[in-house]
Amino acid sequence: MTKSEIGYFCAGVAAGALGVKFYPQMKEKLAPYLAGAMVFAQEAFGDAIKDALDAVSAMQQPGESAPADIVPAHPDASSAGSGGSAGAAAA
């Protein structure tokens, strides 16, 4: 263990001890900010889950394709006129 690692460890222990000592005071002062951040995080997480579930349900529907931003187009489909399928024919 090097001197710098010992220094980081001691700084972490000191920060943890101060955090435990002043936790009730910090909790009171930071509660409004943390509450707002939690609401924002819950909304963002809910939106992300909804988008993911919509993409999964679109993939499970027979006859429907998944959204283009989830599943990229086949490489040969975009370069059909430029000889992109020649490599597939050679394989």
PDB file of N, CA and C in Angstrom:
ATOM      1  N   MET A   1       0.855  -1.165   0.000  1.00  0.00           N
ATOM      2  CA  MET A   1       0.000   0.000   0.000  1.00  0.00           C
ATOM      3  C   MET A   1       0.904   1.232   0.000  1.00  0.00           C
ATOM      4  N   THR A   2       0.614   2.132  -0.924  1.00  0.00           N
ATOM      5  CA  THR A   2       1.449   3.326  -1.041  1.00  0.00           C
ATOM      6  C   THR A   2       0.961   4.427  -0.100  1.00  0.00           C
ATOM      7  N   LYS A   3       1.771   5.480   0.010  1.00  0.00           N
ATOM      8  CA  LYS A   3       1.406   6.604   0.870  1.00  0.00           C
ATOM      9  C   LYS A   3       0.141   7.293   0.364  1.00  0.00           C
ATOM     10  N   SER A   4       0.006   7.410  -0.950  1.00  0.00           N
ATOM     11  CA  SER A   4      -1.178   8.086  -1.478  1.00  0.00           C
ATOM     12  C   SER A   4      -2.437   7.256  -1.224  1.00  0.00           C
ATOM     13  N   GLU A   5      -2.332   5.935  -1.296  1.00  0.00           N
ATOM     14  CA  GLU A   5      -3.489   5.093  -0.992  1.00  0.00           C
ATOM     15  C   GLU A   5      -3.889   5.215   0.474  1.00  0.00           C
ATOM     16  N   ILE A   6      -2.905   5.281   1.351  1.00  0.00           N
ATOM     17  CA  ILE A   6      -3.189   5.471   2.776  1.00  0.00           C
ATOM     18  C   ILE A   6      -3.849   6.832   2.996  1.00  0.00           C
ATOM     19  N   GLY A   7      -3.378   7.849   2.289  1.00  0.00           N
ATOM     20  CA  GLY A   7      -3.973   9.182   2.396  1.00  0.00           C
ATOM     21  C   GLY A   7      -5.427   9.189   1.937  1.00  0.00           C
ATOM     22  N   TYR A   8      -5.714   8.526   0.799  1.00  0.00           N
ATOM     23  CA  TYR A   8      -7.101   8.455   0.314  1.00  0.00           C
ATOM     24  C   TYR A   8      -7.984   7.675   1.294  1.00  0.00           C
ATOM     25  N   PHE A   9      -7.437   6.611   1.849  1.00  0.00           N
ATOM     26  CA  PHE A   9      -8.205   5.811   2.813  1.00  0.00           C
ATOM     27  C   PHE A   9      -8.542   6.647   4.046  1.00  0.00           C
ATOM     28  N   CYS A  10      -7.546   7.351   4.586  1.00  0.00           N
ATOM     29  CA  CYS A  10      -7.772   8.180   5.779  1.00  0.00           C
ATOM     30  C   CYS A  10      -8.754   9.316   5.480  1.00  0.00           C
ATOM     31  N   ALA A  11      -8.658   9.909   4.302  1.00  0.00           N
ATOM     32  CA  ALA A  11      -9.600  10.965   3.928  1.00  0.00           C
ATOM     33  C   ALA A  11     -11.011  10.406   3.821  1.00  0.00           C
ATOM     34  N   GLY A  12     -11.159   9.212   3.287  1.00  0.00           N
ATOM     35  CA  GLY A  12     -12.470   8.582   3.207  1.00  0.00           C
ATOM     36  C   GLY A  12     -13.041   8.269   4.568  1.00  0.00           C
ATOM     37  N   VAL A  13     -12.202   7.785   5.464  1.00  0.00           N
ATOM     38  CA  VAL A  13     -12.658   7.496   6.830  1.00  0.00           C
ATOM     39  C   VAL A  13     -13.086   8.791   7.520  1.00  0.00           C
ATOM     40  N   ALA A  14     -12.303   9.853   7.356  1.00  0.00           N
ATOM     41  CA  ALA A  14     -12.642  11.133   7.979  1.00  0.00           C
ATOM     42  C   ALA A  14     -13.934  11.687   7.388  1.00  0.00           C
ATOM     43  N   ALA A  15     -14.102  11.608   6.077  1.00  0.00           N
ATOM     44  CA  ALA A  15     -15.332  12.104   5.446  1.00  0.00           C
ATOM     45  C   ALA A  15     -16.527  11.281   5.914  1.00  0.00           C
ATOM     46  N   GLY A  16     -16.360   9.976   6.047  1.00  0.00           N
ATOM     47  CA  GLY A  16     -17.440   9.128   6.549  1.00  0.00           C
ATOM     48  C   GLY A  16     -17.809   9.464   7.977  1.00  0.00           C
ATOM     49  N   ALA A  17     -16.814   9.707   8.809  1.00  0.00           N
ATOM     50  CA  ALA A  17     -17.084  10.045  10.206  1.00  0.00           C
ATOM     51  C   ALA A  17     -17.816  11.386  10.308  1.00  0.00           C
ATOM     52  N   LEU A  18     -17.399  12.363   9.522  1.00  0.00           N
ATOM     53  CA  LEU A  18     -18.087  13.662   9.526  1.00  0.00           C
ATOM     54  C   LEU A  18     -19.504  13.520   8.981  1.00  0.00           C
ATOM     55  N   GLY A  19     -19.668  12.685   7.960  1.00  0.00           N
ATOM     56  CA  GLY A  19     -20.994  12.463   7.401  1.00  0.00           C
ATOM     57  C   GLY A  19     -21.945  11.850   8.408  1.00  0.00           C
ATOM     58  N   VAL A  20     -21.458  10.886   9.183  1.00  0.00           N
ATOM     59  CA  VAL A  20     -22.298  10.250  10.210  1.00  0.00           C
ATOM     60  C   VAL A  20     -22.628  11.258  11.314  1.00  0.00           C
ATOM     61  N   LYS A  21     -21.648  12.071  11.701  1.00  0.00           N
ATOM     62  CA  LYS A  21     -21.870  13.026  12.784  1.00  0.00           C
ATOM     63  C   LYS A  21     -22.889  14.088  12.398  1.00  0.00           C
ATOM     64  N   PHE A  22     -22.791  14.607  11.169  1.00  0.00           N
ATOM     65  CA  PHE A  22     -23.654  15.699  10.738  1.00  0.00           C
ATOM     66  C   PHE A  22     -24.823  15.244   9.876  1.00  0.00           C
ATOM     67  N   TYR A  23     -25.104  13.954   9.827  1.00  0.00           N
ATOM     68  CA  TYR A  23     -26.181  13.426   8.980  1.00  0.00           C
ATOM     69  C   TYR A  23     -27.547  14.045   9.298  1.00  0.00           C
ATOM     70  N   PRO A  24     -27.960  14.139  10.568  1.00  0.00           N
ATOM     71  CA  PRO A  24     -29.284  14.727  10.833  1.00  0.00           C
ATOM     72  C   PRO A  24     -29.407  16.171  10.335  1.00  0.00           C
ATOM     73  N   GLN A  25     -28.345  16.957  10.500  1.00  0.00           N
ATOM     74  CA  GLN A  25     -28.384  18.348  10.050  1.00  0.00           C
ATOM     75  C   GLN A  25     -28.385  18.429   8.524  1.00  0.00           C
ATOM     76  N   MET A  26     -27.580  17.597   7.890  1.00  0.00           N
ATOM     77  CA  MET A  26     -27.535  17.599   6.431  1.00  0.00           C
ATOM     78  C   MET A  26     -28.853  17.107   5.850  1.00  0.00           C
ATOM     79  N   LYS A  27     -29.458  16.136   6.513  1.00  0.00           N
ATOM     80  CA  LYS A  27     -30.724  15.581   6.028  1.00  0.00           C
ATOM     81  C   LYS A  27     -31.802  16.657   6.020  1.00  0.00           C
ATOM     82  N   GLU A  28     -31.859  17.466   7.069  1.00  0.00           N
ATOM     83  CA  GLU A  28     -32.847  18.535   7.139  1.00  0.00           C
ATOM     84  C   GLU A  28     -32.622  19.592   6.070  1.00  0.00           C
ATOM     85  N   LYS A  29     -31.362  19.960   5.841  1.00  0.00           N
ATOM     86  CA  LYS A  29     -31.056  21.011   4.876  1.00  0.00           C
ATOM     87  C   LYS A  29     -31.210  20.529   3.432  1.00  0.00           C
ATOM     88  N   LEU A  30     -30.879  19.292   3.172  1.00  0.00           N
ATOM     89  CA  LEU A  30     -30.894  18.789   1.799  1.00  0.00           C
ATOM     90  C   LEU A  30     -32.189  18.085   1.417  1.00  0.00           C
ATOM     91  N   ALA A  31     -33.107  17.905   2.350  1.00  0.00           N
ATOM     92  CA  ALA A  31     -34.349  17.176   2.076  1.00  0.00           C
ATOM     93  C   ALA A  31     -35.147  17.768   0.912  1.00  0.00           C
ATOM     94  N   PRO A  32     -35.332  19.087   0.827  1.00  0.00           N
ATOM     95  CA  PRO A  32     -36.100  19.611  -0.314  1.00  0.00           C
ATOM     96  C   PRO A  32     -35.418  19.333  -1.659  1.00  0.00           C
ATOM     97  N   TYR A  33     -34.098  19.437  -1.682  1.00  0.00           N
ATOM     98  CA  TYR A  33     -33.375  19.192  -2.932  1.00  0.00           C
ATOM     99  C   TYR A  33     -33.433  17.719  -3.324  1.00  0.00           C
ATOM    100  N   LEU A  34     -33.261  16.860  -2.338  1.00  0.00           N
ATOM    101  CA  LEU A  34     -33.303  15.422  -2.617  1.00  0.00           C
ATOM    102  C   LEU A  34     -34.698  14.974  -3.030  1.00  0.00           C
ATOM    103  N   ALA A  35     -35.728  15.581  -2.456  1.00  0.00           N
ATOM    104  CA  ALA A  35     -37.093  15.227  -2.831  1.00  0.00           C
ATOM    105  C   ALA A  35     -37.352  15.591  -4.294  1.00  0.00           C
ATOM    106  N   GLY A  36     -36.915  16.770  -4.693  1.00  0.00           N
ATOM    107  CA  GLY A  36     -37.069  17.178  -6.094  1.00  0.00           C
ATOM    108  C   GLY A  36     -36.288  16.287  -7.032  1.00  0.00           C
ATOM    109  N   ALA A  37     -35.088  15.920  -6.638  1.00  0.00           N
ATOM    110  CA  ALA A  37     -34.266  15.038  -7.473  1.00  0.00           C
ATOM    111  C   ALA A  37     -34.899  13.654  -7.586  1.00  0.00           C
ATOM    112  N   MET A  38     -35.482  13.172  -6.512  1.00  0.00           N
ATOM    113  CA  MET A  38     -36.121  11.851  -6.547  1.00  0.00           C
ATOM    114  C   MET A  38     -37.346  11.854  -7.455  1.00  0.00           C
ATOM    115  N   VAL A  39     -38.119  12.921  -7.418  1.00  0.00           N
ATOM    116  CA  VAL A  39     -39.287  13.016  -8.308  1.00  0.00           C
ATOM    117  C   VAL A  39     -38.833  13.015  -9.759  1.00  0.00           C
ATOM    118  N   PHE A  40     -37.805  13.791 -10.058  1.00  0.00           N
ATOM    119  CA  PHE A  40     -37.273  13.833 -11.417  1.00  0.00           C
ATOM    120  C   PHE A  40     -36.754  12.463 -11.843  1.00  0.00           C
ATOM    121  N   ALA A  41     -36.024  11.790 -10.961  1.00  0.00           N
ATOM    122  CA  ALA A  41     -35.468  10.471 -11.284  1.00  0.00           C
ATOM    123  C   ALA A  41     -36.579   9.450 -11.493  1.00  0.00           C
ATOM    124  N   GLN A  42     -37.625   9.506 -10.687  1.00  0.00           N
ATOM    125  CA  GLN A  42     -38.733   8.563 -10.843  1.00  0.00           C
ATOM    126  C   GLN A  42     -39.456   8.789 -12.164  1.00  0.00           C
ATOM    127  N   GLU A  43     -39.655  10.038 -12.554  1.00  0.00           N
ATOM    128  CA  GLU A  43     -40.307  10.327 -13.824  1.00  0.00           C
ATOM    129  C   GLU A  43     -39.446   9.867 -14.994  1.00  0.00           C
ATOM    130  N   ALA A  44     -38.154  10.134 -14.922  1.00  0.00           N
ATOM    131  CA  ALA A  44     -37.255   9.725 -16.004  1.00  0.00           C
ATOM    132  C   ALA A  44     -37.191   8.211 -16.107  1.00  0.00           C
ATOM    133  N   PHE A  45     -37.118   7.524 -14.978  1.00  0.00           N
ATOM    134  CA  PHE A  45     -37.072   6.066 -14.989  1.00  0.00           C
ATOM    135  C   PHE A  45     -38.383   5.498 -15.526  1.00  0.00           C
ATOM    136  N   GLY A  46     -39.506   6.085 -15.119  1.00  0.00           N
ATOM    137  CA  GLY A  46     -40.802   5.632 -15.616  1.00  0.00           C
ATOM    138  C   GLY A  46     -40.929   5.811 -17.120  1.00  0.00           C
ATOM    139  N   ASP A  47     -40.447   6.941 -17.639  1.00  0.00           N
ATOM    140  CA  ASP A  47     -40.487   7.167 -19.083  1.00  0.00           C
ATOM    141  C   ASP A  47     -39.602   6.176 -19.823  1.00  0.00           C
ATOM    142  N   ALA A  48     -38.432   5.886 -19.266  1.00  0.00           N
ATOM    143  CA  ALA A  48     -37.529   4.931 -19.905  1.00  0.00           C
ATOM    144  C   ALA A  48     -38.130   3.531 -19.918  1.00  0.00           C
ATOM    145  N   ILE A  49     -38.750   3.128 -18.828  1.00  0.00           N
ATOM    146  CA  ILE A  49     -39.390   1.807 -18.774  1.00  0.00           C
ATOM    147  C   ILE A  49     -40.549   1.740 -19.760  1.00  0.00           C
ATOM    148  N   LYS A  50     -41.342   2.808 -19.864  1.00  0.00           N
ATOM    149  CA  LYS A  50     -42.470   2.837 -20.798  1.00  0.00           C
ATOM    150  C   LYS A  50     -41.974   2.695 -22.230  1.00  0.00           C
ATOM    151  N   ASP A  51     -40.905   3.429 -22.578  1.00  0.00           N
ATOM    152  CA  ASP A  51     -40.347   3.329 -23.926  1.00  0.00           C
ATOM    153  C   ASP A  51     -39.837   1.925 -24.212  1.00  0.00           C
ATOM    154  N   ALA A  52     -39.177   1.320 -23.230  1.00  0.00           N
ATOM    155  CA  ALA A  52     -38.654  -0.035 -23.415  1.00  0.00           C
ATOM    156  C   ALA A  52     -39.790  -1.042 -23.583  1.00  0.00           C
ATOM    157  N   LEU A  53     -40.837  -0.906 -22.778  1.00  0.00           N
ATOM    158  CA  LEU A  53     -41.974  -1.817 -22.901  1.00  0.00           C
ATOM    159  C   LEU A  53     -42.700  -1.632 -24.228  1.00  0.00           C
ATOM    160  N   ASP A  54     -42.792  -0.396 -24.709  1.00  0.00           N
ATOM    161  CA  ASP A  54     -43.403  -0.158 -26.015  1.00  0.00           C
ATOM    162  C   ASP A  54     -42.583  -0.810 -27.127  1.00  0.00           C
ATOM    163  N   ALA A  55     -41.263  -0.721 -27.035  1.00  0.00           N
ATOM    164  CA  ALA A  55     -40.408  -1.341 -28.047  1.00  0.00           C
ATOM    165  C   ALA A  55     -40.531  -2.858 -28.019  1.00  0.00           C
ATOM    166  N   VAL A  56     -40.588  -3.428 -26.817  1.00  0.00           N
ATOM    167  CA  VAL A  56     -40.717  -4.882 -26.698  1.00  0.00           C
ATOM    168  C   VAL A  56     -42.064  -5.336 -27.238  1.00  0.00           C
ATOM    169  N   SER A  57     -43.119  -4.621 -26.899  1.00  0.00           N
ATOM    170  CA  SER A  57     -44.439  -5.032 -27.391  1.00  0.00           C
ATOM    171  C   SER A  57     -44.526  -4.873 -28.909  1.00  0.00           C
ATOM    172  N   ALA A  58     -43.845  -3.870 -29.471  1.00  0.00           N
ATOM    173  CA  ALA A  58     -43.840  -3.710 -30.924  1.00  0.00           C
ATOM    174  C   ALA A  58     -43.095  -4.862 -31.592  1.00  0.00           C
ATOM    175  N   MET A  59     -42.065  -5.361 -30.955  1.00  0.00           N
ATOM    176  CA  MET A  59     -41.317  -6.489 -31.520  1.00  0.00           C
ATOM    177  C   MET A  59     -42.101  -7.787 -31.416  1.00  0.00           C
ATOM    178  N   GLN A  60     -42.996  -7.888 -30.431  1.00  0.00           N
ATOM    179  CA  GLN A  60     -43.748  -9.120 -30.239  1.00  0.00           C
ATOM    180  C   GLN A  60     -45.004  -9.187 -31.098  1.00  0.00           C
ATOM    181  N   GLN A  61     -45.450  -8.071 -31.639  1.00  0.00           N
ATOM    182  CA  GLN A  61     -46.641  -8.060 -32.470  1.00  0.00           C
ATOM    183  C   GLN A  61     -46.317  -8.688 -33.824  1.00  0.00           C
ATOM    184  N   PRO A  62     -47.056  -9.704 -34.240  1.00  0.00           N
ATOM    185  CA  PRO A  62     -46.781 -10.306 -35.550  1.00  0.00           C
ATOM    186  C   PRO A  62     -47.164  -9.340 -36.669  1.00  0.00           C
ATOM    187  N   GLY A  63     -46.306  -9.264 -37.654  1.00  0.00           N
ATOM    188  CA  GLY A  63     -46.575  -8.416 -38.805  1.00  0.00           C
ATOM    189  C   GLY A  63     -46.156  -6.975 -38.628  1.00  0.00           C
ATOM    190  N   GLU A  64     -45.761  -6.581 -37.447  1.00  0.00           N
ATOM    191  CA  GLU A  64     -45.310  -5.218 -37.219  1.00  0.00           C
ATOM    192  C   GLU A  64     -43.812  -5.226 -36.980  1.00  0.00           C
ATOM    193  N   SER A  65     -43.141  -4.218 -37.492  1.00  0.00           N
ATOM    194  CA  SER A  65     -41.696  -4.140 -37.275  1.00  0.00           C
ATOM    195  C   SER A  65     -41.412  -3.276 -36.054  1.00  0.00           C
ATOM    196  N   ALA A  66     -40.241  -3.471 -35.497  1.00  0.00           N
ATOM    197  CA  ALA A  66     -39.820  -2.694 -34.333  1.00  0.00           C
ATOM    198  C   ALA A  66     -39.476  -1.279 -34.786  1.00  0.00           C
ATOM    199  N   PRO A  67     -39.472  -0.320 -33.870  1.00  0.00           N
ATOM    200  CA  PRO A  67     -39.091   1.042 -34.234  1.00  0.00           C
ATOM    201  C   PRO A  67     -37.691   1.086 -34.829  1.00  0.00           C
ATOM    202  N   ALA A  68     -37.483   1.975 -35.791  1.00  0.00           N
ATOM    203  CA  ALA A  68     -36.204   2.046 -36.507  1.00  0.00           C
ATOM    204  C   ALA A  68     -35.056   2.436 -35.586  1.00  0.00           C
ATOM    205  N   ASP A  69     -35.331   3.180 -34.524  1.00  0.00           N
ATOM    206  CA  ASP A  69     -34.241   3.576 -33.637  1.00  0.00           C
ATOM    207  C   ASP A  69     -33.807   2.445 -32.706  1.00  0.00           C
ATOM    208  N   ILE A  70     -34.610   1.373 -32.616  1.00  0.00           N
ATOM    209  CA  ILE A  70     -34.256   0.233 -31.787  1.00  0.00           C
ATOM    210  C   ILE A  70     -33.522  -0.818 -32.611  1.00  0.00           C
ATOM    211  N   VAL A  71     -34.087  -1.163 -33.758  1.00  0.00           N
ATOM    212  CA  VAL A  71     -33.500  -2.197 -34.612  1.00  0.00           C
ATOM    213  C   VAL A  71     -33.022  -1.532 -35.894  1.00  0.00           C
ATOM    214  N   PRO A  72     -31.717  -1.526 -36.160  1.00  0.00           N
ATOM    215  CA  PRO A  72     -31.214  -0.879 -37.373  1.00  0.00           C
ATOM    216  C   PRO A  72     -31.631  -1.659 -38.613  1.00  0.00           C
ATOM    217  N   ALA A  73     -31.710  -0.947 -39.719  1.00  0.00           N
ATOM    218  CA  ALA A  73     -32.074  -1.574 -40.985  1.00  0.00           C
ATOM    219  C   ALA A  73     -30.969  -2.535 -41.415  1.00  0.00           C
ATOM    220  N   HIS A  74     -31.343  -3.505 -42.206  1.00  0.00           N
ATOM    221  CA  HIS A  74     -30.370  -4.463 -42.721  1.00  0.00           C
ATOM    222  C   HIS A  74     -29.377  -3.721 -43.596  1.00  0.00           C
ATOM    223  N   PRO A  75     -28.077  -4.017 -43.507  1.00  0.00           N
ATOM    224  CA  PRO A  75     -27.087  -3.257 -44.275  1.00  0.00           C
ATOM    225  C   PRO A  75     -27.300  -3.349 -45.778  1.00  0.00           C
ATOM    226  N   ASP A  76     -27.803  -4.471 -46.281  1.00  0.00           N
ATOM    227  CA  ASP A  76     -28.009  -4.614 -47.716  1.00  0.00           C
ATOM    228  C   ASP A  76     -29.181  -3.779 -48.200  1.00  0.00           C
ATOM    229  N   ALA A  77     -30.137  -3.490 -47.318  1.00  0.00           N
ATOM    230  CA  ALA A  77     -31.317  -2.736 -47.728  1.00  0.00           C
ATOM    231  C   ALA A  77     -30.966  -1.293 -48.056  1.00  0.00           C
ATOM    232  N   SER A  78     -30.019  -0.707 -47.323  1.00  0.00           N
ATOM    233  CA  SER A  78     -29.680   0.689 -47.565  1.00  0.00           C
ATOM    234  C   SER A  78     -28.725   0.868 -48.728  1.00  0.00           C
ATOM    235  N   SER A  79     -27.983  -0.154 -49.089  1.00  0.00           N
ATOM    236  CA  SER A  79     -27.013  -0.024 -50.174  1.00  0.00           C
ATOM    237  C   SER A  79     -27.333  -0.964 -51.326  1.00  0.00           C
ATOM    238  N   ALA A  80     -28.601  -1.238 -51.574  1.00  0.00           N
ATOM    239  CA  ALA A  80     -28.989  -2.180 -52.619  1.00  0.00           C
ATOM    240  C   ALA A  80     -28.593  -1.673 -53.991  1.00  0.00           C
ATOM    241  N   GLY A  81     -28.697  -0.383 -54.232  1.00  0.00           N
ATOM    242  CA  GLY A  81     -28.368   0.151 -55.543  1.00  0.00           C
ATOM    243  C   GLY A  81     -26.892   0.399 -55.721  1.00  0.00           C
ATOM    244  N   SER A  82     -26.111   0.365 -54.662  1.00  0.00           N
ATOM    245  CA  SER A  82     -24.695   0.706 -54.774  1.00  0.00           C
ATOM    246  C   SER A  82     -23.804  -0.524 -54.716  1.00  0.00           C
ATOM    247  N   GLY A  83     -24.355  -1.680 -54.969  1.00  0.00           N
ATOM    248  CA  GLY A  83     -23.537  -2.880 -54.997  1.00  0.00           C
ATOM    249  C   GLY A  83     -23.303  -3.473 -53.646  1.00  0.00           C
ATOM    250  N   GLY A  84     -24.070  -3.093 -52.659  1.00  0.00           N
ATOM    251  CA  GLY A  84     -23.903  -3.615 -51.314  1.00  0.00           C
ATOM    252  C   GLY A  84     -24.265  -5.077 -51.221  1.00  0.00           C
ATOM    253  N   SER A  85     -25.146  -5.567 -52.074  1.00  0.00           N
ATOM    254  CA  SER A  85     -25.533  -6.966 -52.019  1.00  0.00           C
ATOM    255  C   SER A  85     -24.570  -7.871 -52.767  1.00  0.00           C
ATOM    256  N   ALA A  86     -23.579  -7.308 -53.454  1.00  0.00           N
ATOM    257  CA  ALA A  86     -22.610  -8.114 -54.172  1.00  0.00           C
ATOM    258  C   ALA A  86     -21.763  -8.925 -53.201  1.00  0.00           C
ATOM    259  N   GLY A  87     -21.462  -8.354 -52.046  1.00  0.00           N
ATOM    260  CA  GLY A  87     -20.700  -9.077 -51.044  1.00  0.00           C
ATOM    261  C   GLY A  87     -21.487 -10.238 -50.487  1.00  0.00           C
ATOM    262  N   ALA A  88     -22.803 -10.086 -50.340  1.00  0.00           N
ATOM    263  CA  ALA A  88     -23.640 -11.160 -49.841  1.00  0.00           C
ATOM    264  C   ALA A  88     -23.771 -12.254 -50.875  1.00  0.00           C
ATOM    265  N   ALA A  89     -23.787 -11.909 -52.157  1.00  0.00           N
ATOM    266  CA  ALA A  89     -23.890 -12.913 -53.207  1.00  0.00           C
ATOM    267  C   ALA A  89     -22.595 -13.711 -53.328  1.00  0.00           C
ATOM    268  N   ALA A  90     -21.476 -13.053 -53.041  1.00  0.00           N
ATOM    269  CA  ALA A  90     -20.190 -13.742 -53.147  1.00  0.00           C
ATOM    270  C   ALA A  90     -19.985 -14.717 -51.980  1.00  0.00           C
ATOM    271  N   ALA A  91     -20.630 -14.461 -50.881  1.00  0.00           N
ATOM    272  CA  ALA A  91     -20.450 -15.308 -49.702  1.00  0.00           C
ATOM    273  C   ALA A  91     -21.185 -16.549 -49.807  1.00  0.00           C
TER     274      ALA A  91
END
